[in-house]
C-alpha atoms as a PDB file:
ATOM      1  CA  MET A   1       0.000   0.000   0.000  1.00  0.00           C
ATOM      2  CA  SER A   2       1.201   3.487  -0.725  1.00  0.00           C
ATOM      3  CA  ASP A   3       1.377   6.013   2.135  1.00  0.00           C
ATOM      4  CA  ASP A   4      -1.821   7.748   1.011  1.00  0.00           C
ATOM      5  CA  GLN A   5      -3.650   4.415   1.153  1.00  0.00           C
ATOM      6  CA  SER A   6      -2.239   3.149   4.445  1.00  0.00           C
ATOM      7  CA  TYR A   7      -3.927   3.430   7.798  1.00  0.00           C
ATOM      8  CA  GLU A   8      -3.104   2.646  11.390  1.00  0.00           C
ATOM      9  CA  LEU A   9      -5.084   0.233  13.553  1.00  0.00           C
ATOM     10  CA  LEU A  10      -5.619   2.179  16.763  1.00  0.00           C
ATOM     11  CA  GLY A  11      -7.452  -0.364  18.902  1.00  0.00           C
ATOM     12  CA  PHE A  12     -10.788  -2.038  19.387  1.00  0.00           C
ATOM     13  CA  ASP A  13     -14.060  -0.173  19.186  1.00  0.00           C
ATOM     14  CA  ASN A  14     -16.855  -2.591  20.142  1.00  0.00           C
ATOM     15  CA  ALA A  15     -17.471  -6.269  19.580  1.00  0.00           C
ATOM     16  CA  LEU A  16     -20.994  -6.772  18.208  1.00  0.00           C
ATOM     17  CA  LEU A  17     -23.029  -9.857  19.102  1.00  0.00           C
ATOM     18  CA  PRO A  18     -26.370 -10.663  17.473  1.00  0.00           C
ATOM     19  CA  VAL A  19     -29.138 -11.681  19.877  1.00  0.00           C
ATOM     20  CA  GLY A  20     -32.757 -12.605  19.332  1.00  0.00           C
ATOM     21  CA  ASP A  21     -34.208 -10.926  22.445  1.00  0.00           C
ATOM     22  CA  LEU A  22     -32.483  -7.873  23.906  1.00  0.00           C
ATOM     23  CA  GLY A  23     -34.089  -8.141  27.340  1.00  0.00           C
ATOM     24  CA  ALA A  24     -33.227 -11.813  27.711  1.00  0.00           C
ATOM     25  CA  ALA A  25     -29.684 -11.175  26.483  1.00  0.00           C
ATOM     26  CA  VAL A  26     -29.122  -8.308  28.937  1.00  0.00           C
ATOM     27  CA  GLY A  27     -30.371 -10.520  31.775  1.00  0.00           C
ATOM     28  CA  PHE A  28     -28.074 -13.378  30.726  1.00  0.00           C
ATOM     29  CA  TYR A  29     -25.007 -11.162  30.557  1.00  0.00           C
ATOM     30  CA  GLU A  30     -25.816  -9.415  33.846  1.00  0.00           C
ATOM     31  CA  ARG A  31     -25.899 -12.866  35.501  1.00  0.00           C
ATOM     32  CA  ALA A  32     -22.498 -13.493  33.870  1.00  0.00           C
ATOM     33  CA  GLY A  33     -21.084 -10.416  35.616  1.00  0.00           C
ATOM     34  CA  PHE A  34     -21.281  -7.738  32.932  1.00  0.00           C
ATOM     35  CA  ALA A  35     -22.531  -4.238  33.752  1.00  0.00           C
ATOM     36  CA  VAL A  36     -24.749  -2.449  31.242  1.00  0.00           C
ATOM     37  CA  GLY A  37     -23.199   0.788  29.981  1.00  0.00           C
ATOM     38  CA  PHE A  38     -26.339   1.825  28.152  1.00  0.00           C
ATOM     39  CA  ARG A  39     -29.449   0.297  26.661  1.00  0.00           C
ATOM     40  CA  LEU A  40     -31.529   1.692  23.802  1.00  0.00           C
ATOM     41  CA  ASP A  41     -34.507  -0.583  23.327  1.00  0.00           C
ATOM     42  CA  GLU A  42     -35.872   1.520  20.454  1.00  0.00           C
ATOM     43  CA  ALA A  43     -32.623   0.882  18.544  1.00  0.00           C
ATOM     44  CA  GLY A  44     -32.388  -2.747  19.721  1.00  0.00           C
ATOM     45  CA  ILE A  45     -28.933  -2.332  21.275  1.00  0.00           C
ATOM     46  CA  ALA A  46     -27.257  -2.500  24.662  1.00  0.00           C
ATOM     47  CA  LEU A  47     -23.605  -1.983  25.531  1.00  0.00           C
ATOM     48  CA  LEU A  48     -21.944  -4.211  28.095  1.00  0.00           C
ATOM     49  CA  LYS A  49     -18.943  -2.777  29.892  1.00  0.00           C
ATOM     50  CA  VAL A  50     -15.678  -4.703  30.035  1.00  0.00           C
ATOM     51  CA  GLY A  51     -13.516  -3.413  32.861  1.00  0.00           C
ATOM     52  CA  GLY A  52     -12.607   0.243  32.679  1.00  0.00           C
ATOM     53  CA  GLU A  53     -12.141   0.263  28.918  1.00  0.00           C
ATOM     54  CA  THR A  54     -14.294   2.403  26.652  1.00  0.00           C
ATOM     55  CA  PRO A  55     -15.018  -0.303  24.054  1.00  0.00           C
ATOM     56  CA  GLY A  56     -17.433  -2.967  25.123  1.00  0.00           C
ATOM     57  CA  ILE A  57     -19.672  -5.731  23.888  1.00  0.00           C
ATOM     58  CA  LEU A  58     -22.563  -4.356  21.894  1.00  0.00           C
ATOM     59  CA  LEU A  59     -25.638  -6.591  21.911  1.00  0.00           C
ATOM     60  CA  ARG A  60     -27.752  -6.039  18.829  1.00  0.00           C
ATOM     61  CA  GLN A  61     -31.219  -7.509  18.520  1.00  0.00           C
ATOM     62  CA  GLU A  62     -31.748  -9.233  15.198  1.00  0.00           C
ATOM     63  CA  ASP A  63     -35.348 -10.035  14.290  1.00  0.00           C
ATOM     64  CA  GLY A  64     -35.946 -13.703  13.586  1.00  0.00           C
ATOM     65  CA  LEU A  65     -32.739 -14.905  15.277  1.00  0.00           C
ATOM     66  CA  GLY A  66     -33.707 -17.962  17.249  1.00  0.00           C
ATOM     67  CA  GLN A  67     -31.894 -19.650  20.055  1.00  0.00           C
ATOM     68  CA  ARG A  68     -29.179 -22.047  18.967  1.00  0.00           C
ATOM     69  CA  PRO A  69     -26.221 -23.897  20.411  1.00  0.00           C
ATOM     70  CA  PRO A  70     -22.766 -22.586  19.530  1.00  0.00           C
ATOM     71  CA  ALA A  71     -21.382 -23.887  16.269  1.00  0.00           C
ATOM     72  CA  TRP A  72     -17.888 -25.308  16.282  1.00  0.00           C
ATOM     73  CA  PRO A  73     -15.721 -23.839  15.108  1.00  0.00           C
ATOM     74  CA  SER A  74     -17.253 -20.506  15.922  1.00  0.00           C
ATOM     75  CA  PRO A  75     -15.857 -17.062  16.688  1.00  0.00           C
ATOM     76  CA  ARG A  76     -15.029 -16.564  20.319  1.00  0.00           C
ATOM     77  CA  LEU A  77     -14.556 -13.402  22.329  1.00  0.00           C
ATOM     78  CA  TRP A  78     -12.378 -13.754  25.415  1.00  0.00           C
ATOM     79  CA  VAL A  79     -12.169 -11.206  28.210  1.00  0.00           C
ATOM     80  CA  GLU A  80      -9.458 -11.072  30.822  1.00  0.00           C
ATOM     81  CA  VAL A  81     -10.286 -11.901  34.435  1.00  0.00           C
ATOM     82  CA  GLY A  82      -8.065 -12.210  37.496  1.00  0.00           C
ATOM     83  CA  ASP A  83      -8.864 -15.904  38.025  1.00  0.00           C
ATOM     84  CA  ALA A  84     -10.759 -17.955  35.437  1.00  0.00           C
ATOM     85  CA  ARG A  85     -11.423 -20.858  37.810  1.00  0.00           C
ATOM     86  CA  LYS A  86     -12.973 -18.467  40.335  1.00  0.00           C
ATOM     87  CA  ALA A  87     -15.017 -16.937  37.488  1.00  0.00           C
ATOM     88  CA  ALA A  88     -16.233 -20.439  36.577  1.00  0.00           C
ATOM     89  CA  ARG A  89     -17.502 -21.012  40.120  1.00  0.00           C
ATOM     90  CA  ALA A  90     -19.238 -17.615  40.176  1.00  0.00           C
ATOM     91  CA  LEU A  91     -20.840 -18.192  36.760  1.00  0.00           C
ATOM     92  CA  ALA A  92     -22.137 -21.613  37.795  1.00  0.00           C
ATOM     93  CA  ALA A  93     -23.477 -20.178  41.079  1.00  0.00           C
ATOM     94  CA  ALA A  94     -25.319 -17.481  39.058  1.00  0.00           C
ATOM     95  CA  GLY A  95     -26.967 -20.162  36.910  1.00  0.00           C
ATOM     96  CA  VAL A  96     -24.873 -19.488  33.800  1.00  0.00           C
ATOM     97  CA  PRO A  97     -24.033 -22.846  32.166  1.00  0.00           C
ATOM     98  CA  LEU A  98     -20.385 -23.440  31.345  1.00  0.00           C
ATOM     99  CA  LEU A  99     -19.482 -24.962  27.991  1.00  0.00           C
ATOM    100  CA  ASP A 100     -16.850 -27.059  29.761  1.00  0.00           C
ATOM    101  CA  GLU A 101     -14.733 -27.093  32.877  1.00  0.00           C
ATOM    102  CA  PRO A 102     -11.948 -24.476  33.022  1.00  0.00           C
ATOM    103  CA  PHE A 103      -9.058 -25.545  30.805  1.00  0.00           C
ATOM    104  CA  PRO A 104      -5.382 -24.579  30.738  1.00  0.00           C
ATOM    105  CA  VAL A 105      -4.066 -22.247  28.036  1.00  0.00           C
ATOM    106  CA  ALA A 106      -0.562 -20.881  27.409  1.00  0.00           C
ATOM    107  CA  THR A 107      -1.108 -17.878  29.670  1.00  0.00           C
ATOM    108  CA  GLY A 108      -3.214 -19.444  32.435  1.00  0.00           C
ATOM    109  CA  TRP A 109      -6.793 -20.766  32.544  1.00  0.00           C
ATOM    110  CA  THR A 110      -9.956 -20.177  30.514  1.00  0.00           C
ATOM    111  CA  VAL A 111     -13.622 -21.021  30.918  1.00  0.00           C
ATOM    112  CA  GLU A 112     -16.239 -20.416  28.215  1.00  0.00           C
ATOM    113  CA  ILE A 113     -19.976 -19.786  28.178  1.00  0.00           C
ATOM    114  CA  ALA A 114     -22.444 -19.436  25.320  1.00  0.00           C
ATOM    115  CA  ASP A 115     -25.485 -17.206  25.304  1.00  0.00           C
ATOM    116  CA  PRO A 116     -28.805 -18.608  24.034  1.00  0.00           C
ATOM    117  CA  TRP A 117     -27.944 -17.440  20.479  1.00  0.00           C
ATOM    118  CA  GLY A 118     -24.636 -19.291  20.302  1.00  0.00           C
ATOM    119  CA  ASN A 119     -22.266 -16.382  20.993  1.00  0.00           C
ATOM    120  CA  VAL A 120     -19.273 -17.737  22.910  1.00  0.00           C
ATOM    121  CA  ILE A 121     -17.540 -15.659  25.579  1.00  0.00           C
ATOM    122  CA  GLY A 122     -14.388 -16.849  27.311  1.00  0.00           C
ATOM    123  CA  PHE A 123     -13.049 -15.670  30.649  1.00  0.00           C
ATOM    124  CA  THR A 124      -9.281 -16.059  30.643  1.00  0.00           C
ATOM    125  CA  ASP A 125      -6.547 -15.274  33.120  1.00  0.00           C
ATOM    126  CA  TYR A 126      -2.800 -14.720  32.947  1.00  0.00           C
ATOM    127  CA  SER A 127      -1.850 -16.746  36.010  1.00  0.00           C
ATOM    128  CA  LYS A 128       1.005 -18.482  34.120  1.00  0.00           C
ATOM    129  CA  ARG A 129       2.228 -15.275  32.433  1.00  0.00           C
ATOM    130  CA  PRO A 130       1.236 -12.374  34.737  1.00  0.00           C
ATOM    131  CA  GLU A 131       3.638 -10.003  32.998  1.00  0.00           C
ATOM    132  CA  LEU A 132       1.342 -10.126  29.933  1.00  0.00           C
ATOM    133  CA  GLY A 133      -1.856  -9.354  31.829  1.00  0.00           C
ATOM    134  CA  ARG A 134      -3.407  -6.038  32.675  1.00  0.00           C
ATOM    135  CA  ARG A 135      -2.461  -6.476  36.344  1.00  0.00           C
ATOM    136  CA  PRO A 136       1.042  -7.983  36.423  1.00  0.00           C
END
């Protein structure tokens, strides 16, 4: 690319997830520990906060989208947590089904959930490589 056609990737804006029912989706994600940044029912969107960062997870209601299990392989969005195994216990206690038991990854541990529309969210920690995490 020539200089006049190049661009710089500055960071993430929002991750968009399609859902079939905005109210049900907001309730699911609140049980999973997410705080709602804003909700605009007339536009069919709600923003879930992820830590102190400005970007978040934008839920977008899509008419006619029914509930479905996650497809494999499917896109996955992972968020960093201090302790993924502790997150797994808290999710289970809140009635959020886990896709599997926490599993080891190169940086630590991860546990995944899927919302009723098949969107997969992982909660991952950096317990094996704390120098790479947000809180070394």
